[in-house]
């Protein structure tokens, strides 16, 4: 005879309590959502309004700038006279050309040298592997001062030369270490198979390693480009000719130091009114920001992927 054991009551799982930053309010309650939306809106306005003010001031005419006392939140009669005066010739247009050239050439040279150095350091047993790696790590800890850097550039004859804006900062130790770590995580079997098939190290680098590392290379390239575009201190030390200044040094001189832009530094027709100083300063600031804002969306997808690859192990 089979005896049936009494059934035990099922174990009830206690629901988890939801905690909220506001006492007495749940995370999904309408008051809490409204508070978060309000805080987010305030943060967005704090970030966006200064950019709106700068762009509006660069488009405003002299009368409105005078009435507003310097900054205009919305131009009544938008005018591109400040941009036309800056880009039609003169100091700022030359500075934009210098900055674009230094950024393009410097980023290309920095990427090429960093990729080759990182690939060589990622191959165990390569010539001078440990000494070069130690020198690279020491350069992150012991940074040369301003005077040794200036004396080195002067001894090389690079004073007042565009190369003085590129060569002293061409290789960044941190970027090389990041690329080296990524190269070391690539499947070693793939590289060994290519080497067995007779591929040279140059072919392995250009046909296998670089195509598999587009995300990390894109991130490092953006780091180098932003560094070259925003750099002004090297130009301040090494450039004595104002016609060779990059746009960031012009920005520092005429916006931060509040120097007046004279008509002789602009390509303005004879008898034509010079735009107000505030509009010219705001236009220079906009011109210094726009190129990076244009480039960033094209590199953003590589940046997200590169960050995820560096953060996830598996």
C-alpha atoms as a PDB file:
ATOM      1  CA  UNK A   1       0.000   0.000   0.000  1.00  0.00           C
ATOM      2  CA  UNK A   2       1.369   3.318  -1.017  1.00  0.00           C
ATOM      3  CA  UNK A   3       1.249   6.130   1.466  1.00  0.00           C
ATOM      4  CA  UNK A   4       1.059   9.679   0.305  1.00  0.00           C
ATOM      5  CA  UNK A   5       3.172  12.153   2.168  1.00  0.00           C
ATOM      6  CA  UNK A   6       1.512  15.439   2.986  1.00  0.00           C
ATOM      7  CA  UNK A   7       2.299  18.145   0.488  1.00  0.00           C
ATOM      8  CA  UNK A   8       4.438  20.960   1.724  1.00  0.00           C
ATOM      9  CA  UNK A   9       3.446  24.463   0.934  1.00  0.00           C
ATOM     10  CA  UNK A  10       5.467  25.950  -1.880  1.00  0.00           C
ATOM     11  CA  UNK A  11       8.242  28.271  -0.780  1.00  0.00           C
ATOM     12  CA  UNK A  12       7.233  31.779  -1.512  1.00  0.00           C
ATOM     13  CA  UNK A  13       9.898  34.032  -2.945  1.00  0.00           C
ATOM     14  CA  UNK A  14       9.841  37.432  -1.405  1.00  0.00           C
ATOM     15  CA  UNK A  15       9.764  40.150  -4.010  1.00  0.00           C
ATOM     16  CA  UNK A  16      12.786  42.373  -4.069  1.00  0.00           C
ATOM     17  CA  UNK A  17      12.324  45.798  -2.678  1.00  0.00           C
ATOM     18  CA  UNK A  18      13.013  48.619  -5.062  1.00  0.00           C
ATOM     19  CA  UNK A  19      15.050  51.413  -3.632  1.00  0.00           C
ATOM     20  CA  UNK A  20      14.802  54.997  -4.714  1.00  0.00           C
ATOM     21  CA  UNK A  21      17.006  57.991  -4.207  1.00  0.00           C
ATOM     22  CA  UNK A  22      13.962  59.940  -3.004  1.00  0.00           C
ATOM     23  CA  UNK A  23      12.437  58.542   0.238  1.00  0.00           C
ATOM     24  CA  UNK A  24       8.880  57.340  -0.226  1.00  0.00           C
ATOM     25  CA  UNK A  25       9.063  57.378  -4.030  1.00  0.00           C
ATOM     26  CA  UNK A  26       9.572  54.374  -6.309  1.00  0.00           C
ATOM     27  CA  UNK A  27      11.982  54.649  -9.271  1.00  0.00           C
ATOM     28  CA  UNK A  28       9.120  54.473 -11.763  1.00  0.00           C
ATOM     29  CA  UNK A  29       6.772  56.932 -10.113  1.00  0.00           C
ATOM     30  CA  UNK A  30       5.792  60.032 -12.121  1.00  0.00           C
ATOM     31  CA  UNK A  31       7.257  62.556  -9.633  1.00  0.00           C
ATOM     32  CA  UNK A  32      10.647  60.827  -9.699  1.00  0.00           C
ATOM     33  CA  UNK A  33      10.655  60.611 -13.501  1.00  0.00           C
ATOM     34  CA  UNK A  34       9.726  64.282 -13.716  1.00  0.00           C
ATOM     35  CA  UNK A  35      12.569  65.202 -11.366  1.00  0.00           C
ATOM     36  CA  UNK A  36      15.095  63.210 -13.411  1.00  0.00           C
ATOM     37  CA  UNK A  37      13.842  64.784 -16.638  1.00  0.00           C
ATOM     38  CA  UNK A  38      14.148  68.243 -15.117  1.00  0.00           C
ATOM     39  CA  UNK A  39      17.716  67.605 -13.939  1.00  0.00           C
ATOM     40  CA  UNK A  40      18.663  66.227 -17.359  1.00  0.00           C
ATOM     41  CA  UNK A  41      17.126  69.258 -19.073  1.00  0.00           C
ATOM     42  CA  UNK A  42      19.092  71.620 -16.814  1.00  0.00           C
ATOM     43  CA  UNK A  43      22.357  69.780 -17.621  1.00  0.00           C
ATOM     44  CA  UNK A  44      21.628  69.929 -21.366  1.00  0.00           C
ATOM     45  CA  UNK A  45      20.887  73.656 -21.196  1.00  0.00           C
ATOM     46  CA  UNK A  46      24.101  74.317 -19.269  1.00  0.00           C
ATOM     47  CA  UNK A  47      26.047  72.612 -22.069  1.00  0.00           C
ATOM     48  CA  UNK A  48      24.118  73.902 -25.100  1.00  0.00           C
ATOM     49  CA  UNK A  49      23.464  77.540 -24.175  1.00  0.00           C
ATOM     50  CA  UNK A  50      27.160  78.634 -24.234  1.00  0.00           C
ATOM     51  CA  UNK A  51      27.537  77.183 -27.740  1.00  0.00           C
ATOM     52  CA  UNK A  52      24.323  78.915 -28.870  1.00  0.00           C
ATOM     53  CA  UNK A  53      25.586  82.199 -27.440  1.00  0.00           C
ATOM     54  CA  UNK A  54      28.936  81.898 -29.227  1.00  0.00           C
ATOM     55  CA  UNK A  55      27.374  81.025 -32.594  1.00  0.00           C
ATOM     56  CA  UNK A  56      24.733  83.771 -32.231  1.00  0.00           C
ATOM     57  CA  UNK A  57      27.340  86.374 -31.333  1.00  0.00           C
ATOM     58  CA  UNK A  58      29.413  85.421 -34.373  1.00  0.00           C
ATOM     59  CA  UNK A  59      26.350  86.039 -36.593  1.00  0.00           C
ATOM     60  CA  UNK A  60      25.147  89.271 -34.953  1.00  0.00           C
ATOM     61  CA  UNK A  61      25.764  92.744 -36.307  1.00  0.00           C
ATOM     62  CA  UNK A  62      27.617  95.520 -34.500  1.00  0.00           C
ATOM     63  CA  UNK A  63      24.505  97.308 -33.244  1.00  0.00           C
ATOM     64  CA  UNK A  64      23.014  94.218 -31.636  1.00  0.00           C
ATOM     65  CA  UNK A  65      26.342  93.233 -30.040  1.00  0.00           C
ATOM     66  CA  UNK A  66      26.618  96.723 -28.558  1.00  0.00           C
ATOM     67  CA  UNK A  67      23.049  96.584 -27.194  1.00  0.00           C
ATOM     68  CA  UNK A  68      23.566  93.118 -25.702  1.00  0.00           C
ATOM     69  CA  UNK A  69      26.824  94.105 -24.045  1.00  0.00           C
ATOM     70  CA  UNK A  70      28.966  91.438 -25.741  1.00  0.00           C
ATOM     71  CA  UNK A  71      26.986  88.190 -25.992  1.00  0.00           C
ATOM     72  CA  UNK A  72      23.873  87.690 -28.125  1.00  0.00           C
ATOM     73  CA  UNK A  73      21.523  84.774 -27.507  1.00  0.00           C
ATOM     74  CA  UNK A  74      19.657  85.119 -30.810  1.00  0.00           C
ATOM     75  CA  UNK A  75      20.695  87.349 -33.738  1.00  0.00           C
ATOM     76  CA  UNK A  76      18.013  89.616 -35.209  1.00  0.00           C
ATOM     77  CA  UNK A  77      19.698  89.943 -38.591  1.00  0.00           C
ATOM     78  CA  UNK A  78      22.141  87.020 -39.019  1.00  0.00           C
ATOM     79  CA  UNK A  79      25.197  87.971 -41.006  1.00  0.00           C
ATOM     80  CA  UNK A  80      28.281  86.010 -42.036  1.00  0.00           C
ATOM     81  CA  UNK A  81      30.451  89.121 -42.275  1.00  0.00           C
ATOM     82  CA  UNK A  82      32.738  87.918 -39.455  1.00  0.00           C
ATOM     83  CA  UNK A  83      33.368  84.569 -41.162  1.00  0.00           C
ATOM     84  CA  UNK A  84      33.849  86.233 -44.544  1.00  0.00           C
ATOM     85  CA  UNK A  85      36.399  88.643 -43.098  1.00  0.00           C
ATOM     86  CA  UNK A  86      38.279  85.835 -41.354  1.00  0.00           C
ATOM     87  CA  UNK A  87      38.294  83.274 -44.194  1.00  0.00           C
ATOM     88  CA  UNK A  88      38.790  85.579 -47.180  1.00  0.00           C
ATOM     89  CA  UNK A  89      42.459  85.990 -46.293  1.00  0.00           C
ATOM     90  CA  UNK A  90      44.698  87.289 -43.586  1.00  0.00           C
ATOM     91  CA  UNK A  91      45.947  85.847 -40.344  1.00  0.00           C
ATOM     92  CA  UNK A  92      43.066  83.502 -39.453  1.00  0.00           C
ATOM     93  CA  UNK A  93      42.721  81.879 -42.867  1.00  0.00           C
ATOM     94  CA  UNK A  94      46.470  81.152 -42.898  1.00  0.00           C
ATOM     95  CA  UNK A  95      46.202  79.776 -39.363  1.00  0.00           C
ATOM     96  CA  UNK A  96      43.385  77.439 -40.423  1.00  0.00           C
ATOM     97  CA  UNK A  97      45.536  76.172 -43.293  1.00  0.00           C
ATOM     98  CA  UNK A  98      48.476  75.615 -40.944  1.00  0.00           C
ATOM     99  CA  UNK A  99      46.325  73.747 -38.403  1.00  0.00           C
ATOM    100  CA  UNK A 100      44.738  71.515 -41.039  1.00  0.00           C
ATOM    101  CA  UNK A 101      48.118  70.692 -42.582  1.00  0.00           C
ATOM    102  CA  UNK A 102      49.804  70.001 -39.238  1.00  0.00           C
ATOM    103  CA  UNK A 103      46.876  67.853 -38.083  1.00  0.00           C
ATOM    104  CA  UNK A 104      46.712  65.762 -41.260  1.00  0.00           C
ATOM    105  CA  UNK A 105      50.463  65.259 -41.651  1.00  0.00           C
ATOM    106  CA  UNK A 106      51.067  64.812 -37.922  1.00  0.00           C
ATOM    107  CA  UNK A 107      48.251  62.295 -37.477  1.00  0.00           C
ATOM    108  CA  UNK A 108      49.436  60.258 -40.466  1.00  0.00           C
ATOM    109  CA  UNK A 109      53.048  60.178 -39.246  1.00  0.00           C
ATOM    110  CA  UNK A 110      52.037  59.471 -35.645  1.00  0.00           C
ATOM    111  CA  UNK A 111      49.748  56.604 -36.649  1.00  0.00           C
ATOM    112  CA  UNK A 112      52.360  55.061 -38.941  1.00  0.00           C
ATOM    113  CA  UNK A 113      55.160  55.240 -36.370  1.00  0.00           C
ATOM    114  CA  UNK A 114      52.938  54.136 -33.471  1.00  0.00           C
ATOM    115  CA  UNK A 115      51.548  51.152 -35.389  1.00  0.00           C
ATOM    116  CA  UNK A 116      54.988  49.925 -36.444  1.00  0.00           C
ATOM    117  CA  UNK A 117      56.455  50.443 -32.973  1.00  0.00           C
ATOM    118  CA  UNK A 118      53.495  48.755 -31.258  1.00  0.00           C
ATOM    119  CA  UNK A 119      53.602  45.803 -33.662  1.00  0.00           C
ATOM    120  CA  UNK A 120      57.330  45.310 -33.095  1.00  0.00           C
ATOM    121  CA  UNK A 121      56.871  45.442 -29.312  1.00  0.00           C
ATOM    122  CA  UNK A 122      53.951  43.000 -29.491  1.00  0.00           C
ATOM    123  CA  UNK A 123      56.114  40.286 -31.093  1.00  0.00           C
ATOM    124  CA  UNK A 124      58.044  38.483 -28.329  1.00  0.00           C
ATOM    125  CA  UNK A 125      61.673  37.949 -29.172  1.00  0.00           C
ATOM    126  CA  UNK A 126      61.921  40.903 -31.557  1.00  0.00           C
ATOM    127  CA  UNK A 127      65.192  42.844 -31.684  1.00  0.00           C
ATOM    128  CA  UNK A 128      65.561  45.228 -28.735  1.00  0.00           C
ATOM    129  CA  UNK A 129      62.133  44.282 -27.432  1.00  0.00           C
ATOM    130  CA  UNK A 130      62.712  44.771 -23.690  1.00  0.00           C
ATOM    131  CA  UNK A 131      65.036  47.836 -23.786  1.00  0.00           C
ATOM    132  CA  UNK A 132      62.719  49.735 -26.141  1.00  0.00           C
ATOM    133  CA  UNK A 133      59.695  48.814 -24.053  1.00  0.00           C
ATOM    134  CA  UNK A 134      61.441  50.016 -20.889  1.00  0.00           C
ATOM    135  CA  UNK A 135      62.380  53.303 -22.562  1.00  0.00           C
ATOM    136  CA  UNK A 136      58.781  53.736 -23.663  1.00  0.00           C
ATOM    137  CA  UNK A 137      57.461  53.129 -20.157  1.00  0.00           C
ATOM    138  CA  UNK A 138      60.079  55.446 -18.629  1.00  0.00           C
ATOM    139  CA  UNK A 139      59.009  58.236 -20.975  1.00  0.00           C
ATOM    140  CA  UNK A 140      55.570  58.092 -19.347  1.00  0.00           C
ATOM    141  CA  UNK A 141      57.092  58.587 -15.893  1.00  0.00           C
ATOM    142  CA  UNK A 142      59.911  61.049 -16.629  1.00  0.00           C
ATOM    143  CA  UNK A 143      58.691  63.841 -18.901  1.00  0.00           C
ATOM    144  CA  UNK A 144      61.359  66.277 -20.189  1.00  0.00           C
ATOM    145  CA  UNK A 145      60.884  69.882 -19.167  1.00  0.00           C
ATOM    146  CA  UNK A 146      60.313  72.919 -21.324  1.00  0.00           C
ATOM    147  CA  UNK A 147      63.948  74.038 -21.426  1.00  0.00           C
ATOM    148  CA  UNK A 148      65.434  70.681 -22.565  1.00  0.00           C
ATOM    149  CA  UNK A 149      62.735  70.411 -25.222  1.00  0.00           C
ATOM    150  CA  UNK A 150      63.417  73.910 -26.493  1.00  0.00           C
ATOM    151  CA  UNK A 151      67.195  73.366 -26.574  1.00  0.00           C
ATOM    152  CA  UNK A 152      66.752  70.089 -28.470  1.00  0.00           C
ATOM    153  CA  UNK A 153      64.492  71.670 -31.071  1.00  0.00           C
ATOM    154  CA  UNK A 154      66.900  74.599 -31.404  1.00  0.00           C
ATOM    155  CA  UNK A 155      69.921  72.311 -31.886  1.00  0.00           C
ATOM    156  CA  UNK A 156      68.025  70.468 -34.623  1.00  0.00           C
ATOM    157  CA  UNK A 157      67.369  73.753 -36.420  1.00  0.00           C
ATOM    158  CA  UNK A 158      63.602  73.463 -36.190  1.00  0.00           C
ATOM    159  CA  UNK A 159      62.855  76.868 -34.692  1.00  0.00           C
ATOM    160  CA  UNK A 160      60.165  78.621 -36.764  1.00  0.00           C
ATOM    161  CA  UNK A 161      59.610  75.394 -38.718  1.00  0.00           C
ATOM    162  CA  UNK A 162      56.349  73.462 -39.053  1.00  0.00           C
ATOM    163  CA  UNK A 163      58.208  70.289 -38.062  1.00  0.00           C
ATOM    164  CA  UNK A 164      58.597  71.704 -34.572  1.00  0.00           C
ATOM    165  CA  UNK A 165      54.826  71.297 -34.216  1.00  0.00           C
ATOM    166  CA  UNK A 166      54.945  67.603 -35.184  1.00  0.00           C
ATOM    167  CA  UNK A 167      58.211  65.892 -34.274  1.00  0.00           C
ATOM    168  CA  UNK A 168      58.344  66.640 -30.492  1.00  0.00           C
ATOM    169  CA  UNK A 169      54.930  65.002 -29.966  1.00  0.00           C
ATOM    170  CA  UNK A 170      54.877  62.517 -32.828  1.00  0.00           C
ATOM    171  CA  UNK A 171      54.802  59.368 -30.647  1.00  0.00           C
ATOM    172  CA  UNK A 172      52.651  59.122 -27.547  1.00  0.00           C
ATOM    173  CA  UNK A 173      53.721  56.328 -25.189  1.00  0.00           C
ATOM    174  CA  UNK A 174      50.214  55.695 -23.907  1.00  0.00           C
ATOM    175  CA  UNK A 175      48.803  55.264 -27.427  1.00  0.00           C
ATOM    176  CA  UNK A 176      51.604  52.854 -28.321  1.00  0.00           C
ATOM    177  CA  UNK A 177      50.918  50.771 -25.196  1.00  0.00           C
ATOM    178  CA  UNK A 178      47.210  50.596 -26.090  1.00  0.00           C
ATOM    179  CA  UNK A 179      47.977  49.449 -29.636  1.00  0.00           C
ATOM    180  CA  UNK A 180      50.542  46.940 -28.370  1.00  0.00           C
ATOM    181  CA  UNK A 181      48.008  45.405 -25.993  1.00  0.00           C
ATOM    182  CA  UNK A 182      45.481  45.081 -28.794  1.00  0.00           C
ATOM    183  CA  UNK A 183      48.012  43.508 -31.174  1.00  0.00           C
ATOM    184  CA  UNK A 184      49.005  40.978 -28.513  1.00  0.00           C
ATOM    185  CA  UNK A 185      45.368  39.859 -28.179  1.00  0.00           C
ATOM    186  CA  UNK A 186      45.080  38.987 -31.872  1.00  0.00           C
ATOM    187  CA  UNK A 187      44.962  35.218 -32.606  1.00  0.00           C
ATOM    188  CA  UNK A 188      48.555  34.062 -32.730  1.00  0.00           C
ATOM    189  CA  UNK A 189      47.568  31.046 -34.855  1.00  0.00           C
ATOM    190  CA  UNK A 190      46.482  33.387 -37.658  1.00  0.00           C
ATOM    191  CA  UNK A 191      49.847  35.154 -37.706  1.00  0.00           C
ATOM    192  CA  UNK A 192      51.765  31.870 -37.491  1.00  0.00           C
ATOM    193  CA  UNK A 193      49.743  30.471 -40.406  1.00  0.00           C
ATOM    194  CA  UNK A 194      50.566  33.514 -42.519  1.00  0.00           C
ATOM    195  CA  UNK A 195      54.243  33.196 -41.602  1.00  0.00           C
ATOM    196  CA  UNK A 196      54.224  29.490 -42.609  1.00  0.00           C
ATOM    197  CA  UNK A 197      52.712  30.465 -45.960  1.00  0.00           C
ATOM    198  CA  UNK A 198      55.732  32.700 -46.550  1.00  0.00           C
ATOM    199  CA  UNK A 199      54.287  36.089 -45.651  1.00  0.00           C
ATOM    200  CA  UNK A 200      56.793  38.695 -44.501  1.00  0.00           C
ATOM    201  CA  UNK A 201      56.353  40.763 -41.371  1.00  0.00           C
ATOM    202  CA  UNK A 202      55.364  43.757 -43.480  1.00  0.00           C
ATOM    203  CA  UNK A 203      52.698  41.698 -45.268  1.00  0.00           C
ATOM    204  CA  UNK A 204      51.390  40.368 -41.945  1.00  0.00           C
ATOM    205  CA  UNK A 205      51.166  43.893 -40.583  1.00  0.00           C
ATOM    206  CA  UNK A 206      49.476  45.477 -43.600  1.00  0.00           C
ATOM    207  CA  UNK A 207      47.214  42.587 -44.682  1.00  0.00           C
ATOM    208  CA  UNK A 208      46.251  40.955 -41.395  1.00  0.00           C
ATOM    209  CA  UNK A 209      47.004  43.061 -38.319  1.00  0.00           C
ATOM    210  CA  UNK A 210      45.864  46.483 -39.548  1.00  0.00           C
ATOM    211  CA  UNK A 211      42.547  45.286 -41.109  1.00  0.00           C
ATOM    212  CA  UNK A 212      41.705  43.490 -37.850  1.00  0.00           C
ATOM    213  CA  UNK A 213      42.590  46.567 -35.778  1.00  0.00           C
ATOM    214  CA  UNK A 214      40.567  49.287 -37.513  1.00  0.00           C
ATOM    215  CA  UNK A 215      38.576  50.075 -34.371  1.00  0.00           C
ATOM    216  CA  UNK A 216      41.615  50.656 -32.152  1.00  0.00           C
ATOM    217  CA  UNK A 217      43.509  52.488 -34.900  1.00  0.00           C
ATOM    218  CA  UNK A 218      40.506  54.765 -35.434  1.00  0.00           C
ATOM    219  CA  UNK A 219      40.396  55.626 -31.723  1.00  0.00           C
ATOM    220  CA  UNK A 220      44.144  56.311 -31.558  1.00  0.00           C
ATOM    221  CA  UNK A 221      43.936  58.355 -34.758  1.00  0.00           C
ATOM    222  CA  UNK A 222      41.218  60.517 -33.219  1.00  0.00           C
ATOM    223  CA  UNK A 223      43.361  61.005 -30.103  1.00  0.00           C
ATOM    224  CA  UNK A 224      46.297  62.152 -32.222  1.00  0.00           C
ATOM    225  CA  UNK A 225      44.144  64.421 -34.403  1.00  0.00           C
ATOM    226  CA  UNK A 226      42.550  66.161 -31.416  1.00  0.00           C
ATOM    227  CA  UNK A 227      45.976  66.590 -29.810  1.00  0.00           C
ATOM    228  CA  UNK A 228      47.505  68.193 -32.912  1.00  0.00           C
ATOM    229  CA  UNK A 229      44.475  70.393 -33.537  1.00  0.00           C
ATOM    230  CA  UNK A 230      44.289  71.707 -29.971  1.00  0.00           C
ATOM    231  CA  UNK A 231      48.037  72.149 -29.451  1.00  0.00           C
ATOM    232  CA  UNK A 232      49.256  75.707 -29.047  1.00  0.00           C
ATOM    233  CA  UNK A 233      52.146  75.560 -26.566  1.00  0.00           C
ATOM    234  CA  UNK A 234      54.702  74.240 -29.068  1.00  0.00           C
ATOM    235  CA  UNK A 235      53.748  77.018 -31.471  1.00  0.00           C
ATOM    236  CA  UNK A 236      54.067  79.531 -28.639  1.00  0.00           C
ATOM    237  CA  UNK A 237      57.622  78.328 -27.947  1.00  0.00           C
ATOM    238  CA  UNK A 238      58.949  77.591 -31.418  1.00  0.00           C
ATOM    239  CA  UNK A 239      57.058  79.907 -33.823  1.00  0.00           C
ATOM    240  CA  UNK A 240      58.369  83.467 -33.995  1.00  0.00           C
ATOM    241  CA  UNK A 241      56.589  84.314 -37.250  1.00  0.00           C
ATOM    242  CA  UNK A 242      52.898  85.154 -36.705  1.00  0.00           C
ATOM    243  CA  UNK A 243      52.072  84.081 -40.273  1.00  0.00           C
ATOM    244  CA  UNK A 244      52.959  80.486 -39.277  1.00  0.00           C
ATOM    245  CA  UNK A 245      50.757  80.357 -36.195  1.00  0.00           C
ATOM    246  CA  UNK A 246      48.114  77.605 -35.950  1.00  0.00           C
ATOM    247  CA  UNK A 247      44.534  78.582 -35.247  1.00  0.00           C
ATOM    248  CA  UNK A 248      44.733  77.627 -31.564  1.00  0.00           C
ATOM    249  CA  UNK A 249      47.521  80.150 -30.937  1.00  0.00           C
ATOM    250  CA  UNK A 250      45.496  82.790 -32.780  1.00  0.00           C
ATOM    251  CA  UNK A 251      42.531  81.839 -30.604  1.00  0.00           C
ATOM    252  CA  UNK A 252      44.623  82.214 -27.460  1.00  0.00           C
ATOM    253  CA  UNK A 253      46.009  85.568 -28.542  1.00  0.00           C
ATOM    254  CA  UNK A 254      42.807  87.248 -29.692  1.00  0.00           C
ATOM    255  CA  UNK A 255      40.185  85.576 -27.488  1.00  0.00           C
ATOM    256  CA  UNK A 256      41.813  84.584 -24.199  1.00  0.00           C
ATOM    257  CA  UNK A 257      44.278  87.490 -24.102  1.00  0.00           C
ATOM    258  CA  UNK A 258      41.557  89.767 -25.565  1.00  0.00           C
ATOM    259  CA  UNK A 259      43.850  91.328 -28.140  1.00  0.00           C
ATOM    260  CA  UNK A 260      42.183  93.492 -30.796  1.00  0.00           C
ATOM    261  CA  UNK A 261      42.042  92.192 -34.364  1.00  0.00           C
ATOM    262  CA  UNK A 262      42.997  95.070 -36.602  1.00  0.00           C
ATOM    263  CA  UNK A 263      41.844  95.574 -40.157  1.00  0.00           C
ATOM    264  CA  UNK A 264      45.363  94.911 -41.427  1.00  0.00           C
ATOM    265  CA  UNK A 265      45.121  91.324 -40.171  1.00  0.00           C
ATOM    266  CA  UNK A 266      41.933  90.757 -42.166  1.00  0.00           C
ATOM    267  CA  UNK A 267      41.291  90.794 -45.902  1.00  0.00           C
ATOM    268  CA  UNK A 268      38.634  93.518 -45.816  1.00  0.00           C
ATOM    269  CA  UNK A 269      37.912  95.709 -48.810  1.00  0.00           C
ATOM    270  CA  UNK A 270      38.962  99.322 -48.561  1.00  0.00           C
ATOM    271  CA  UNK A 271      36.276 101.382 -46.885  1.00  0.00           C
ATOM    272  CA  UNK A 272      34.290  98.338 -45.757  1.00  0.00           C
ATOM    273  CA  UNK A 273      33.347  98.239 -42.061  1.00  0.00           C
ATOM    274  CA  UNK A 274      35.253  95.799 -39.877  1.00  0.00           C
ATOM    275  CA  UNK A 275      32.961  93.412 -37.941  1.00  0.00           C
ATOM    276  CA  UNK A 276      32.840  93.963 -34.178  1.00  0.00           C
ATOM    277  CA  UNK A 277      35.588  92.435 -32.096  1.00  0.00           C
ATOM    278  CA  UNK A 278      33.175  90.203 -30.161  1.00  0.00           C
ATOM    279  CA  UNK A 279      31.794  88.731 -33.398  1.00  0.00           C
ATOM    280  CA  UNK A 280      35.293  88.093 -34.727  1.00  0.00           C
ATOM    281  CA  UNK A 281      36.365  86.403 -31.494  1.00  0.00           C
ATOM    282  CA  UNK A 282      33.246  84.222 -31.458  1.00  0.00           C
ATOM    283  CA  UNK A 283      33.769  83.312 -35.124  1.00  0.00           C
ATOM    284  CA  UNK A 284      37.368  82.255 -34.422  1.00  0.00           C
ATOM    285  CA  UNK A 285      36.123  80.084 -31.568  1.00  0.00           C
ATOM    286  CA  UNK A 286      33.529  78.439 -33.818  1.00  0.00           C
ATOM    287  CA  UNK A 287      36.087  77.821 -36.565  1.00  0.00           C
ATOM    288  CA  UNK A 288      38.403  76.143 -34.054  1.00  0.00           C
ATOM    289  CA  UNK A 289      35.653  73.740 -32.945  1.00  0.00           C
ATOM    290  CA  UNK A 290      33.893  72.858 -36.206  1.00  0.00           C
ATOM    291  CA  UNK A 291      36.559  70.574 -37.814  1.00  0.00           C
ATOM    292  CA  UNK A 292      36.673  68.177 -34.844  1.00  0.00           C
ATOM    293  CA  UNK A 293      32.863  68.220 -34.606  1.00  0.00           C
ATOM    294  CA  UNK A 294      32.696  67.228 -38.287  1.00  0.00           C
ATOM    295  CA  UNK A 295      35.274  64.427 -37.976  1.00  0.00           C
ATOM    296  CA  UNK A 296      33.961  62.912 -34.734  1.00  0.00           C
ATOM    297  CA  UNK A 297      30.740  61.296 -36.131  1.00  0.00           C
ATOM    298  CA  UNK A 298      32.762  59.338 -38.707  1.00  0.00           C
ATOM    299  CA  UNK A 299      35.047  57.907 -36.005  1.00  0.00           C
ATOM    300  CA  UNK A 300      32.405  57.429 -33.311  1.00  0.00           C
ATOM    301  CA  UNK A 301      31.445  53.890 -34.345  1.00  0.00           C
ATOM    302  CA  UNK A 302      35.098  52.839 -34.301  1.00  0.00           C
ATOM    303  CA  UNK A 303      35.538  54.541 -30.929  1.00  0.00           C
ATOM    304  CA  UNK A 304      32.634  52.648 -29.344  1.00  0.00           C
ATOM    305  CA  UNK A 305      33.890  49.346 -30.723  1.00  0.00           C
ATOM    306  CA  UNK A 306      37.461  50.034 -29.683  1.00  0.00           C
ATOM    307  CA  UNK A 307      36.443  50.921 -26.138  1.00  0.00           C
ATOM    308  CA  UNK A 308      34.345  47.750 -25.844  1.00  0.00           C
ATOM    309  CA  UNK A 309      37.186  45.582 -27.160  1.00  0.00           C
ATOM    310  CA  UNK A 310      39.547  47.086 -24.608  1.00  0.00           C
ATOM    311  CA  UNK A 311      37.052  46.647 -21.760  1.00  0.00           C
ATOM    312  CA  UNK A 312      35.823  43.080 -22.410  1.00  0.00           C
ATOM    313  CA  UNK A 313      38.030  40.039 -22.023  1.00  0.00           C
ATOM    314  CA  UNK A 314      37.020  36.569 -23.125  1.00  0.00           C
END
